[in-house]
């Protein structure tokens, strides 16, 4: 049986959204850019790096809170978060963007899910 944890996914997703909002505020302050031209390369790299770390941590939280005790469940719980995250990106950017986003986000959140499962297995 598949060990999908809706609570884990909800907590991981909530952490992800709140963390990304705080990351935007921390990096841009009150001068949040409205067009791509307003974002410097340095800020784009900084935000992208922070966002990738947040995605891995979100997958970890999803897996750990979800109680994943085997890697299949950790991959499922972490990975589903990446799929959910890619839905609005695909809605805005189209099918190709969705496929790229789902692959990229899935890898990051699944990595977090594997780490979360490892931590859960070794915390008993």
C-alpha atoms as a PDB file:
ATOM      1  CA  UNK A   1       0.000   0.000   0.000  1.00  0.00           C
ATOM      2  CA  UNK A   2       1.099   3.528  -0.727  1.00  0.00           C
ATOM      3  CA  UNK A   3       1.747   5.688   2.293  1.00  0.00           C
ATOM      4  CA  UNK A   4       0.547   9.080   1.044  1.00  0.00           C
ATOM      5  CA  UNK A   5       0.160  11.503   3.930  1.00  0.00           C
ATOM      6  CA  UNK A   6      -2.205  14.384   3.233  1.00  0.00           C
ATOM      7  CA  UNK A   7      -1.158  16.014   6.515  1.00  0.00           C
ATOM      8  CA  UNK A   8       2.508  15.773   5.515  1.00  0.00           C
ATOM      9  CA  UNK A   9       1.810  17.253   2.071  1.00  0.00           C
ATOM     10  CA  UNK A  10      -0.286  20.063   3.592  1.00  0.00           C
ATOM     11  CA  UNK A  11       2.381  20.951   6.177  1.00  0.00           C
ATOM     12  CA  UNK A  12       5.185  20.763   3.581  1.00  0.00           C
ATOM     13  CA  UNK A  13       3.247  22.900   1.096  1.00  0.00           C
ATOM     14  CA  UNK A  14       2.343  25.463   3.763  1.00  0.00           C
ATOM     15  CA  UNK A  15       6.003  25.684   4.809  1.00  0.00           C
ATOM     16  CA  UNK A  16       7.018  26.105   1.169  1.00  0.00           C
ATOM     17  CA  UNK A  17       4.566  28.937   0.447  1.00  0.00           C
ATOM     18  CA  UNK A  18       5.304  30.844   3.660  1.00  0.00           C
ATOM     19  CA  UNK A  19       9.061  30.405   3.199  1.00  0.00           C
ATOM     20  CA  UNK A  20       8.953  31.640  -0.393  1.00  0.00           C
ATOM     21  CA  UNK A  21       6.963  34.725   0.643  1.00  0.00           C
ATOM     22  CA  UNK A  22       9.520  35.487   3.369  1.00  0.00           C
ATOM     23  CA  UNK A  23      12.367  34.862   0.902  1.00  0.00           C
ATOM     24  CA  UNK A  24      10.896  37.381  -1.550  1.00  0.00           C
ATOM     25  CA  UNK A  25      10.446  39.936   1.236  1.00  0.00           C
ATOM     26  CA  UNK A  26      13.949  39.317   2.595  1.00  0.00           C
ATOM     27  CA  UNK A  27      15.604  39.623  -0.815  1.00  0.00           C
ATOM     28  CA  UNK A  28      13.550  42.408  -2.368  1.00  0.00           C
ATOM     29  CA  UNK A  29      12.046  44.226   0.625  1.00  0.00           C
ATOM     30  CA  UNK A  30       9.303  46.596  -0.421  1.00  0.00           C
ATOM     31  CA  UNK A  31      10.755  46.932  -3.942  1.00  0.00           C
ATOM     32  CA  UNK A  32       9.296  43.706  -5.330  1.00  0.00           C
ATOM     33  CA  UNK A  33       9.877  43.712  -9.097  1.00  0.00           C
ATOM     34  CA  UNK A  34       6.874  43.737 -11.421  1.00  0.00           C
ATOM     35  CA  UNK A  35       8.657  42.877 -14.659  1.00  0.00           C
ATOM     36  CA  UNK A  36      11.525  40.499 -15.460  1.00  0.00           C
ATOM     37  CA  UNK A  37      13.686  43.455 -16.522  1.00  0.00           C
ATOM     38  CA  UNK A  38      13.584  44.778 -12.940  1.00  0.00           C
ATOM     39  CA  UNK A  39      15.295  41.651 -11.562  1.00  0.00           C
ATOM     40  CA  UNK A  40      19.082  41.703 -11.583  1.00  0.00           C
ATOM     41  CA  UNK A  41      20.973  38.533 -12.407  1.00  0.00           C
ATOM     42  CA  UNK A  42      22.418  38.487  -8.887  1.00  0.00           C
ATOM     43  CA  UNK A  43      18.976  38.653  -7.302  1.00  0.00           C
ATOM     44  CA  UNK A  44      17.632  36.006  -9.666  1.00  0.00           C
ATOM     45  CA  UNK A  45      20.462  33.628  -8.757  1.00  0.00           C
ATOM     46  CA  UNK A  46      20.007  34.398  -5.039  1.00  0.00           C
ATOM     47  CA  UNK A  47      16.252  33.812  -5.125  1.00  0.00           C
ATOM     48  CA  UNK A  48      16.617  30.693  -7.285  1.00  0.00           C
ATOM     49  CA  UNK A  49      19.153  29.231  -4.868  1.00  0.00           C
ATOM     50  CA  UNK A  50      17.000  29.991  -1.832  1.00  0.00           C
ATOM     51  CA  UNK A  51      13.897  28.603  -3.599  1.00  0.00           C
ATOM     52  CA  UNK A  52      15.694  25.324  -4.424  1.00  0.00           C
ATOM     53  CA  UNK A  53      16.806  24.912  -0.805  1.00  0.00           C
ATOM     54  CA  UNK A  54      13.259  25.646   0.383  1.00  0.00           C
ATOM     55  CA  UNK A  55      11.893  22.986  -2.017  1.00  0.00           C
ATOM     56  CA  UNK A  56      14.274  20.336  -0.674  1.00  0.00           C
ATOM     57  CA  UNK A  57      13.403  21.264   2.929  1.00  0.00           C
ATOM     58  CA  UNK A  58       9.678  21.217   2.069  1.00  0.00           C
ATOM     59  CA  UNK A  59      10.009  17.688   0.672  1.00  0.00           C
ATOM     60  CA  UNK A  60      11.909  16.690   3.821  1.00  0.00           C
ATOM     61  CA  UNK A  61       9.154  18.118   6.039  1.00  0.00           C
ATOM     62  CA  UNK A  62       6.436  16.448   3.948  1.00  0.00           C
ATOM     63  CA  UNK A  63       8.109  13.066   4.251  1.00  0.00           C
ATOM     64  CA  UNK A  64       9.063  13.426   7.923  1.00  0.00           C
ATOM     65  CA  UNK A  65       5.692  14.777   9.120  1.00  0.00           C
ATOM     66  CA  UNK A  66       3.982  12.194   6.918  1.00  0.00           C
ATOM     67  CA  UNK A  67       5.799   9.479   8.844  1.00  0.00           C
ATOM     68  CA  UNK A  68       7.483   7.946   5.784  1.00  0.00           C
ATOM     69  CA  UNK A  69       9.441   4.940   7.013  1.00  0.00           C
ATOM     70  CA  UNK A  70      10.379   3.511   3.636  1.00  0.00           C
ATOM     71  CA  UNK A  71      11.896   5.322   0.691  1.00  0.00           C
ATOM     72  CA  UNK A  72       8.987   4.584  -1.640  1.00  0.00           C
ATOM     73  CA  UNK A  73       6.680   6.531   0.681  1.00  0.00           C
ATOM     74  CA  UNK A  74       9.267   9.295   1.065  1.00  0.00           C
ATOM     75  CA  UNK A  75       9.529   9.615  -2.704  1.00  0.00           C
ATOM     76  CA  UNK A  76       5.731   9.629  -3.012  1.00  0.00           C
ATOM     77  CA  UNK A  77       5.171  12.239  -0.309  1.00  0.00           C
ATOM     78  CA  UNK A  78       8.062  14.485  -1.316  1.00  0.00           C
ATOM     79  CA  UNK A  79       7.393  14.065  -5.033  1.00  0.00           C
ATOM     80  CA  UNK A  80       3.681  14.854  -4.837  1.00  0.00           C
ATOM     81  CA  UNK A  81       4.636  18.225  -3.398  1.00  0.00           C
ATOM     82  CA  UNK A  82       6.713  18.957  -6.524  1.00  0.00           C
ATOM     83  CA  UNK A  83       3.806  17.957  -8.747  1.00  0.00           C
ATOM     84  CA  UNK A  84       1.406  20.234  -6.840  1.00  0.00           C
ATOM     85  CA  UNK A  85       3.893  23.097  -7.004  1.00  0.00           C
ATOM     86  CA  UNK A  86       4.263  22.739 -10.772  1.00  0.00           C
ATOM     87  CA  UNK A  87       0.496  23.024 -11.437  1.00  0.00           C
ATOM     88  CA  UNK A  88       0.248  26.830 -11.153  1.00  0.00           C
ATOM     89  CA  UNK A  89       3.492  27.178 -13.138  1.00  0.00           C
ATOM     90  CA  UNK A  90       1.968  25.088 -15.922  1.00  0.00           C
ATOM     91  CA  UNK A  91      -1.303  27.022 -15.770  1.00  0.00           C
ATOM     92  CA  UNK A  92       0.602  30.254 -16.386  1.00  0.00           C
ATOM     93  CA  UNK A  93       3.364  28.986 -18.675  1.00  0.00           C
ATOM     94  CA  UNK A  94       1.705  26.255 -20.717  1.00  0.00           C
ATOM     95  CA  UNK A  95       2.332  22.545 -21.249  1.00  0.00           C
ATOM     96  CA  UNK A  96       6.065  22.679 -22.011  1.00  0.00           C
ATOM     97  CA  UNK A  97       6.753  24.882 -18.978  1.00  0.00           C
ATOM     98  CA  UNK A  98       4.645  22.518 -16.866  1.00  0.00           C
ATOM     99  CA  UNK A  99       6.707  19.509 -17.994  1.00  0.00           C
ATOM    100  CA  UNK A 100       9.989  21.280 -17.252  1.00  0.00           C
ATOM    101  CA  UNK A 101       8.685  22.524 -13.893  1.00  0.00           C
ATOM    102  CA  UNK A 102       7.295  19.144 -12.868  1.00  0.00           C
ATOM    103  CA  UNK A 103      10.631  17.483 -13.594  1.00  0.00           C
ATOM    104  CA  UNK A 104      12.684  20.126 -11.807  1.00  0.00           C
ATOM    105  CA  UNK A 105      10.397  20.564  -8.786  1.00  0.00           C
ATOM    106  CA  UNK A 106       9.826  16.808  -8.475  1.00  0.00           C
ATOM    107  CA  UNK A 107      13.569  16.122  -8.312  1.00  0.00           C
ATOM    108  CA  UNK A 108      14.100  18.729  -5.569  1.00  0.00           C
ATOM    109  CA  UNK A 109      11.122  17.790  -3.402  1.00  0.00           C
ATOM    110  CA  UNK A 110      11.781  14.066  -3.905  1.00  0.00           C
ATOM    111  CA  UNK A 111      15.366  14.571  -2.740  1.00  0.00           C
ATOM    112  CA  UNK A 112      13.899  16.191   0.370  1.00  0.00           C
ATOM    113  CA  UNK A 113      11.489  13.258   0.737  1.00  0.00           C
ATOM    114  CA  UNK A 114      14.373  10.801   0.672  1.00  0.00           C
ATOM    115  CA  UNK A 115      16.293  12.831   3.269  1.00  0.00           C
ATOM    116  CA  UNK A 116      13.161  13.081   5.438  1.00  0.00           C
ATOM    117  CA  UNK A 117      12.646   9.316   5.238  1.00  0.00           C
ATOM    118  CA  UNK A 118      16.284   8.741   6.184  1.00  0.00           C
ATOM    119  CA  UNK A 119      15.885  11.026   9.206  1.00  0.00           C
ATOM    120  CA  UNK A 120      12.571   9.393  10.192  1.00  0.00           C
ATOM    121  CA  UNK A 121      14.045   5.894   9.931  1.00  0.00           C
ATOM    122  CA  UNK A 122      17.028   6.840  12.085  1.00  0.00           C
ATOM    123  CA  UNK A 123      15.203   8.902  14.705  1.00  0.00           C
ATOM    124  CA  UNK A 124      13.664   5.919  16.527  1.00  0.00           C
END
